[in-house]
Amino acid sequence: MVVCVGAHAAGPEVAIGGALAGRFPVIALSAGGADASAGLRSALDAGAGRAVRLEDESLGQSDFHTLGRALAAAIAKFGGTLVLTGARSSDEGLGAVPAVIAERLGATLLAGAEDIEVLDDGRVAATVRIGGRLRRYAVSGTAVIQVARGPIGRPPAPVTGVEIEVMGLAAIGLDPGQIRRRDDLLGALEPANRQAVQVQSASELVAALGI
């Protein structure tokens, strides 16, 4: 089962997911309000057979960790073994949600993939650009892959007559009360333990730092 997470309208994860749709069942998954439906519709047009949008009031205030937790719970419920995501989210832009998903699923995480192939033995081969060079990795088991670039080619015929499903958190076994911003991890402000010192030269800076 292939799950495309985020499903941005022009995202490369959508293109690769569509290319795999001829061989495997593909689900497009997103979280948020009705504005997330446009990307899911694009995923259906690219060949995904099902589109699901997680919707809950609490998701609007969640950070990347809690969002990743919710998406991972849905992926586990669907039985997803290959998870495709974009390189960056549309809001925080940290690219951290895929890492949370991989941690929650106990999956291998690969970032920056430009091409993906499912081998005959069931492993997933991904081509990743590192330091200007292309490297090819093959992983077994559940994999979460951040896609940097999609394939160029004609996608399969879009699936017609498929409606976007809206699913609440209870349906994936999560308590909405547990979905919140993790402000407790941001730390607390502490006063400086010494006064500010103004310096005029490098030597004064070295002396002030006690180096």
C-alpha atoms as a PDB file:
ATOM      1  CA  MET A   1       0.000   0.000   0.000  1.00  0.00           C
ATOM      2  CA  VAL A   2       1.392   3.383  -1.071  1.00  0.00           C
ATOM      3  CA  VAL A   3       0.348   6.484   0.877  1.00  0.00           C
ATOM      4  CA  CYS A   4       1.033   9.984  -0.480  1.00  0.00           C
ATOM      5  CA  VAL A   5       1.094  12.383   2.464  1.00  0.00           C
ATOM      6  CA  GLY A   6       0.427  16.075   2.038  1.00  0.00           C
ATOM      7  CA  ALA A   7      -0.661  15.691  -1.564  1.00  0.00           C
ATOM      8  CA  HIS A   8       0.186  19.201  -2.710  1.00  0.00           C
ATOM      9  CA  ALA A   9      -1.418  20.024  -6.042  1.00  0.00           C
ATOM     10  CA  ALA A  10       1.878  20.039  -7.954  1.00  0.00           C
ATOM     11  CA  GLY A  11       3.990  18.035  -5.518  1.00  0.00           C
ATOM     12  CA  PRO A  12       6.463  15.469  -6.855  1.00  0.00           C
ATOM     13  CA  GLU A  13       5.150  12.941  -4.331  1.00  0.00           C
ATOM     14  CA  VAL A  14       1.842  13.068  -6.230  1.00  0.00           C
ATOM     15  CA  ALA A  15       3.574  12.398  -9.551  1.00  0.00           C
ATOM     16  CA  ILE A  16       5.501   9.403  -8.227  1.00  0.00           C
ATOM     17  CA  GLY A  17       2.451   8.077  -6.400  1.00  0.00           C
ATOM     18  CA  GLY A  18       0.495   8.300  -9.626  1.00  0.00           C
ATOM     19  CA  ALA A  19       3.232   6.467 -11.490  1.00  0.00           C
ATOM     20  CA  LEU A  20       3.020   3.605  -8.969  1.00  0.00           C
ATOM     21  CA  ALA A  21      -0.774   3.465  -9.099  1.00  0.00           C
ATOM     22  CA  GLY A  22      -0.730   0.987 -11.948  1.00  0.00           C
ATOM     23  CA  ARG A  23       0.966  -1.625  -9.733  1.00  0.00           C
ATOM     24  CA  PHE A  24      -0.139  -0.828  -6.181  1.00  0.00           C
ATOM     25  CA  PRO A  25      -3.136   0.651  -4.379  1.00  0.00           C
ATOM     26  CA  VAL A  26      -2.426   4.331  -3.664  1.00  0.00           C
ATOM     27  CA  ILE A  27      -4.066   6.505  -1.012  1.00  0.00           C
ATOM     28  CA  ALA A  28      -3.647  10.276  -0.866  1.00  0.00           C
ATOM     29  CA  LEU A  29      -3.688  11.573   2.710  1.00  0.00           C
ATOM     30  CA  SER A  30      -3.778  15.089   4.091  1.00  0.00           C
ATOM     31  CA  ALA A  31      -4.816  16.866   7.267  1.00  0.00           C
ATOM     32  CA  GLY A  32      -6.585  20.172   7.686  1.00  0.00           C
ATOM     33  CA  GLY A  33      -9.616  22.071   6.491  1.00  0.00           C
ATOM     34  CA  ALA A  34     -11.389  22.136   3.172  1.00  0.00           C
ATOM     35  CA  ASP A  35      -8.443  23.979   1.575  1.00  0.00           C
ATOM     36  CA  ALA A  36      -6.506  20.697   1.664  1.00  0.00           C
ATOM     37  CA  SER A  37      -8.980  19.117  -0.736  1.00  0.00           C
ATOM     38  CA  ALA A  38      -7.468  20.700  -3.864  1.00  0.00           C
ATOM     39  CA  GLY A  39      -4.232  18.761  -3.444  1.00  0.00           C
ATOM     40  CA  LEU A  40      -6.132  15.549  -2.758  1.00  0.00           C
ATOM     41  CA  ARG A  41      -8.174  16.042  -5.917  1.00  0.00           C
ATOM     42  CA  SER A  42      -4.925  16.459  -7.869  1.00  0.00           C
ATOM     43  CA  ALA A  43      -3.691  13.184  -6.391  1.00  0.00           C
ATOM     44  CA  LEU A  44      -6.867  11.459  -7.570  1.00  0.00           C
ATOM     45  CA  ASP A  45      -6.322  12.949 -11.021  1.00  0.00           C
ATOM     46  CA  ALA A  46      -2.769  11.584 -10.960  1.00  0.00           C
ATOM     47  CA  GLY A  47      -4.036   8.050 -10.334  1.00  0.00           C
ATOM     48  CA  ALA A  48      -4.598   7.610  -6.582  1.00  0.00           C
ATOM     49  CA  GLY A  49      -7.535   5.314  -5.914  1.00  0.00           C
ATOM     50  CA  ARG A  50      -8.570   6.883  -2.615  1.00  0.00           C
ATOM     51  CA  ALA A  51      -8.213  10.267  -0.923  1.00  0.00           C
ATOM     52  CA  VAL A  52      -8.628  10.906   2.809  1.00  0.00           C
ATOM     53  CA  ARG A  53      -8.557  14.197   4.695  1.00  0.00           C
ATOM     54  CA  LEU A  54      -8.085  14.168   8.459  1.00  0.00           C
ATOM     55  CA  GLU A  55     -10.209  16.898   9.959  1.00  0.00           C
ATOM     56  CA  ASP A  56     -10.380  18.144  13.528  1.00  0.00           C
ATOM     57  CA  GLU A  57     -10.387  21.560  15.132  1.00  0.00           C
ATOM     58  CA  SER A  58      -7.281  20.724  17.122  1.00  0.00           C
ATOM     59  CA  LEU A  59      -5.218  20.015  13.995  1.00  0.00           C
ATOM     60  CA  GLY A  60      -5.288  23.696  13.095  1.00  0.00           C
ATOM     61  CA  GLN A  61      -3.117  24.479  16.139  1.00  0.00           C
ATOM     62  CA  SER A  62      -0.931  21.383  16.123  1.00  0.00           C
ATOM     63  CA  ASP A  63       2.814  21.492  15.496  1.00  0.00           C
ATOM     64  CA  PHE A  64       4.842  19.175  13.277  1.00  0.00           C
ATOM     65  CA  HIS A  65       5.176  16.525  15.979  1.00  0.00           C
ATOM     66  CA  THR A  66       1.465  16.138  16.709  1.00  0.00           C
ATOM     67  CA  LEU A  67       0.585  16.431  13.027  1.00  0.00           C
ATOM     68  CA  GLY A  68       3.067  13.676  12.210  1.00  0.00           C
ATOM     69  CA  ARG A  69       1.598  11.540  14.965  1.00  0.00           C
ATOM     70  CA  ALA A  70      -1.917  11.908  13.526  1.00  0.00           C
ATOM     71  CA  LEU A  71      -0.769  11.136   9.985  1.00  0.00           C
ATOM     72  CA  ALA A  72       1.208   8.101  11.181  1.00  0.00           C
ATOM     73  CA  ALA A  73      -1.860   6.751  12.994  1.00  0.00           C
ATOM     74  CA  ALA A  74      -3.874   7.021   9.776  1.00  0.00           C
ATOM     75  CA  ILE A  75      -1.127   5.372   7.713  1.00  0.00           C
ATOM     76  CA  ALA A  76      -0.945   2.486  10.185  1.00  0.00           C
ATOM     77  CA  LYS A  77      -4.717   2.078   9.979  1.00  0.00           C
ATOM     78  CA  PHE A  78      -4.539   1.923   6.165  1.00  0.00           C
ATOM     79  CA  GLY A  79      -1.680  -0.582   6.250  1.00  0.00           C
ATOM     80  CA  GLY A  80       0.691   1.698   4.326  1.00  0.00           C
ATOM     81  CA  THR A  81       4.196   0.313   3.741  1.00  0.00           C
ATOM     82  CA  LEU A  82       5.548   2.967   1.345  1.00  0.00           C
ATOM     83  CA  VAL A  83       4.919   6.563   2.395  1.00  0.00           C
ATOM     84  CA  LEU A  84       5.715   9.397  -0.026  1.00  0.00           C
ATOM     85  CA  THR A  85       5.903  12.984   1.185  1.00  0.00           C
ATOM     86  CA  GLY A  86       6.994  16.335  -0.160  1.00  0.00           C
ATOM     87  CA  ALA A  87      10.302  17.845   0.888  1.00  0.00           C
ATOM     88  CA  ARG A  88       8.718  20.712   2.816  1.00  0.00           C
ATOM     89  CA  SER A  89       5.342  21.433   4.367  1.00  0.00           C
ATOM     90  CA  SER A  90       3.307  24.385   3.178  1.00  0.00           C
ATOM     91  CA  ASP A  91       3.173  26.106   6.576  1.00  0.00           C
ATOM     92  CA  GLU A  92       6.163  25.613   8.893  1.00  0.00           C
ATOM     93  CA  GLY A  93       8.403  24.494   6.057  1.00  0.00           C
ATOM     94  CA  LEU A  94      10.671  22.486   8.345  1.00  0.00           C
ATOM     95  CA  GLY A  95      10.438  19.171   6.536  1.00  0.00           C
ATOM     96  CA  ALA A  96      10.149  17.528   9.956  1.00  0.00           C
ATOM     97  CA  VAL A  97       6.760  15.811   9.622  1.00  0.00           C
ATOM     98  CA  PRO A  98       8.163  12.860   7.595  1.00  0.00           C
ATOM     99  CA  ALA A  99      10.740  12.211  10.328  1.00  0.00           C
ATOM    100  CA  VAL A 100       7.982  12.047  12.933  1.00  0.00           C
ATOM    101  CA  ILE A 101       5.951   9.700  10.734  1.00  0.00           C
ATOM    102  CA  ALA A 102       8.954   7.410  10.266  1.00  0.00           C
ATOM    103  CA  GLU A 103       9.685   7.373  13.998  1.00  0.00           C
ATOM    104  CA  ARG A 104       6.080   6.520  14.873  1.00  0.00           C
ATOM    105  CA  LEU A 105       5.914   3.742  12.263  1.00  0.00           C
ATOM    106  CA  GLY A 106       9.391   2.373  12.976  1.00  0.00           C
ATOM    107  CA  ALA A 107      10.175   2.970   9.308  1.00  0.00           C
ATOM    108  CA  THR A 108      13.293   3.815   7.315  1.00  0.00           C
ATOM    109  CA  LEU A 109      13.479   7.494   6.306  1.00  0.00           C
ATOM    110  CA  LEU A 110      15.095   8.663   3.054  1.00  0.00           C
ATOM    111  CA  ALA A 111      15.189  12.357   2.119  1.00  0.00           C
ATOM    112  CA  GLY A 112      15.673  14.085  -1.226  1.00  0.00           C
ATOM    113  CA  ALA A 113      14.631  11.219  -3.517  1.00  0.00           C
ATOM    114  CA  GLU A 114      14.428  11.995  -7.228  1.00  0.00           C
ATOM    115  CA  ASP A 115      13.274   8.602  -8.449  1.00  0.00           C
ATOM    116  CA  ILE A 116      11.620   5.615  -6.776  1.00  0.00           C
ATOM    117  CA  GLU A 117      11.191   2.044  -7.947  1.00  0.00           C
ATOM    118  CA  VAL A 118       9.663  -0.983  -6.259  1.00  0.00           C
ATOM    119  CA  LEU A 119      11.910  -3.964  -7.003  1.00  0.00           C
ATOM    120  CA  ASP A 120      10.700  -7.477  -7.755  1.00  0.00           C
ATOM    121  CA  ASP A 121      11.802  -8.665  -4.292  1.00  0.00           C
ATOM    122  CA  GLY A 122       9.571  -6.042  -2.627  1.00  0.00           C
ATOM    123  CA  ARG A 123      12.336  -3.641  -1.634  1.00  0.00           C
ATOM    124  CA  VAL A 124      12.054   0.022  -2.501  1.00  0.00           C
ATOM    125  CA  ALA A 125      14.940   1.585  -4.458  1.00  0.00           C
ATOM    126  CA  ALA A 126      15.319   5.366  -4.248  1.00  0.00           C
ATOM    127  CA  THR A 127      17.757   7.605  -6.096  1.00  0.00           C
ATOM    128  CA  VAL A 128      18.979  10.425  -3.837  1.00  0.00           C
ATOM    129  CA  ARG A 129      21.171  13.391  -4.741  1.00  0.00           C
ATOM    130  CA  ILE A 130      23.924  13.954  -2.148  1.00  0.00           C
ATOM    131  CA  GLY A 131      26.694  16.476  -2.666  1.00  0.00           C
ATOM    132  CA  GLY A 132      25.934  16.753  -6.371  1.00  0.00           C
ATOM    133  CA  ARG A 133      26.099  12.997  -6.904  1.00  0.00           C
ATOM    134  CA  LEU A 134      23.248  10.553  -7.364  1.00  0.00           C
ATOM    135  CA  ARG A 135      23.206   7.577  -5.025  1.00  0.00           C
ATOM    136  CA  ARG A 136      20.797   4.661  -5.125  1.00  0.00           C
ATOM    137  CA  TYR A 137      19.531   3.023  -1.927  1.00  0.00           C
ATOM    138  CA  ALA A 138      17.356  -0.053  -1.530  1.00  0.00           C
ATOM    139  CA  VAL A 139      15.356  -0.474   1.675  1.00  0.00           C
ATOM    140  CA  SER A 140      13.101  -3.244   2.926  1.00  0.00           C
ATOM    141  CA  GLY A 141      10.118  -3.005   5.224  1.00  0.00           C
ATOM    142  CA  THR A 142       8.132   0.168   5.748  1.00  0.00           C
ATOM    143  CA  ALA A 143       9.768   3.239   4.226  1.00  0.00           C
ATOM    144  CA  VAL A 144       9.036   6.966   4.412  1.00  0.00           C
ATOM    145  CA  ILE A 145      10.546   8.844   1.475  1.00  0.00           C
ATOM    146  CA  GLN A 146      10.706  12.615   1.045  1.00  0.00           C
ATOM    147  CA  VAL A 147      10.432  13.269  -2.676  1.00  0.00           C
ATOM    148  CA  ALA A 148      12.400  16.184  -4.112  1.00  0.00           C
ATOM    149  CA  ARG A 149      11.630  15.652  -7.767  1.00  0.00           C
ATOM    150  CA  GLY A 150       8.986  13.644  -9.588  1.00  0.00           C
ATOM    151  CA  PRO A 151       9.078  11.643 -12.811  1.00  0.00           C
ATOM    152  CA  ILE A 152       8.460  13.201 -16.195  1.00  0.00           C
ATOM    153  CA  GLY A 153       5.899  11.308 -18.191  1.00  0.00           C
ATOM    154  CA  ARG A 154       2.234  10.658 -18.731  1.00  0.00           C
ATOM    155  CA  PRO A 155       0.378   9.679 -15.531  1.00  0.00           C
ATOM    156  CA  PRO A 156      -2.233   6.905 -15.581  1.00  0.00           C
ATOM    157  CA  ALA A 157      -5.834   7.755 -16.346  1.00  0.00           C
ATOM    158  CA  PRO A 158      -7.425   9.570 -13.378  1.00  0.00           C
ATOM    159  CA  VAL A 159      -9.849   7.707 -11.164  1.00  0.00           C
ATOM    160  CA  THR A 160     -13.313   9.139 -11.743  1.00  0.00           C
ATOM    161  CA  GLY A 161     -16.282   9.181  -9.391  1.00  0.00           C
ATOM    162  CA  VAL A 162     -14.161   8.987  -6.229  1.00  0.00           C
ATOM    163  CA  GLU A 163     -15.079  11.379  -3.435  1.00  0.00           C
ATOM    164  CA  ILE A 164     -12.646  12.704  -0.847  1.00  0.00           C
ATOM    165  CA  GLU A 165     -13.276  11.011   2.493  1.00  0.00           C
ATOM    166  CA  VAL A 166     -13.276  13.140   5.629  1.00  0.00           C
ATOM    167  CA  MET A 167     -12.104  11.266   8.721  1.00  0.00           C
ATOM    168  CA  GLY A 168     -12.010  12.404  12.345  1.00  0.00           C
ATOM    169  CA  LEU A 169      -9.277  11.609  14.829  1.00  0.00           C
ATOM    170  CA  ALA A 170     -11.433   9.120  16.699  1.00  0.00           C
ATOM    171  CA  ALA A 171     -11.568   6.978  13.560  1.00  0.00           C
ATOM    172  CA  ILE A 172      -7.788   6.488  13.705  1.00  0.00           C
ATOM    173  CA  GLY A 173      -7.715   5.878  17.449  1.00  0.00           C
ATOM    174  CA  LEU A 174      -6.569   9.320  18.634  1.00  0.00           C
ATOM    175  CA  ASP A 175      -8.072  11.458  21.366  1.00  0.00           C
ATOM    176  CA  PRO A 176      -8.493  15.036  20.063  1.00  0.00           C
ATOM    177  CA  GLY A 177      -7.526  16.259  23.530  1.00  0.00           C
ATOM    178  CA  GLN A 178      -4.022  14.886  22.983  1.00  0.00           C
ATOM    179  CA  ILE A 179      -3.472  16.964  19.858  1.00  0.00           C
ATOM    180  CA  ARG A 180      -1.914  20.261  20.897  1.00  0.00           C
ATOM    181  CA  ARG A 181       1.069  22.473  20.316  1.00  0.00           C
ATOM    182  CA  ARG A 182       4.090  21.239  22.239  1.00  0.00           C
ATOM    183  CA  ASP A 183       4.830  24.525  23.965  1.00  0.00           C
ATOM    184  CA  ASP A 184       6.299  22.616  26.893  1.00  0.00           C
ATOM    185  CA  LEU A 185       9.297  21.704  24.733  1.00  0.00           C
ATOM    186  CA  LEU A 186      10.104  25.288  23.833  1.00  0.00           C
ATOM    187  CA  GLY A 187      11.721  25.930  27.211  1.00  0.00           C
ATOM    188  CA  ALA A 188      11.389  28.946  29.462  1.00  0.00           C
ATOM    189  CA  LEU A 189      12.954  32.362  29.322  1.00  0.00           C
ATOM    190  CA  GLU A 190      15.784  32.804  31.785  1.00  0.00           C
ATOM    191  CA  PRO A 191      17.512  36.087  32.675  1.00  0.00           C
ATOM    192  CA  ALA A 192      21.111  36.491  31.561  1.00  0.00           C
ATOM    193  CA  ASN A 193      23.578  35.657  34.311  1.00  0.00           C
ATOM    194  CA  ARG A 194      25.832  38.614  33.472  1.00  0.00           C
ATOM    195  CA  GLN A 195      25.552  42.106  32.060  1.00  0.00           C
ATOM    196  CA  ALA A 196      26.109  42.938  28.407  1.00  0.00           C
ATOM    197  CA  VAL A 197      29.598  44.171  27.570  1.00  0.00           C
ATOM    198  CA  GLN A 198      30.392  46.381  24.596  1.00  0.00           C
ATOM    199  CA  VAL A 199      33.743  45.747  22.897  1.00  0.00           C
ATOM    200  CA  GLN A 200      35.607  47.745  20.257  1.00  0.00           C
ATOM    201  CA  SER A 201      38.103  45.213  18.938  1.00  0.00           C
ATOM    202  CA  ALA A 202      38.743  41.521  18.447  1.00  0.00           C
ATOM    203  CA  SER A 203      41.206  41.447  21.314  1.00  0.00           C
ATOM    204  CA  GLU A 204      38.623  42.982  23.669  1.00  0.00           C
ATOM    205  CA  LEU A 205      36.107  40.362  22.519  1.00  0.00           C
ATOM    206  CA  VAL A 206      38.572  37.542  23.264  1.00  0.00           C
ATOM    207  CA  ALA A 207      39.226  38.985  26.699  1.00  0.00           C
ATOM    208  CA  ALA A 208      35.513  39.383  27.429  1.00  0.00           C
ATOM    209  CA  LEU A 209      34.828  35.798  26.457  1.00  0.00           C
ATOM    210  CA  GLY A 210      37.663  34.569  28.646  1.00  0.00           C
ATOM    211  CA  ILE A 211      39.293  32.641  25.821  1.00  0.00           C
END
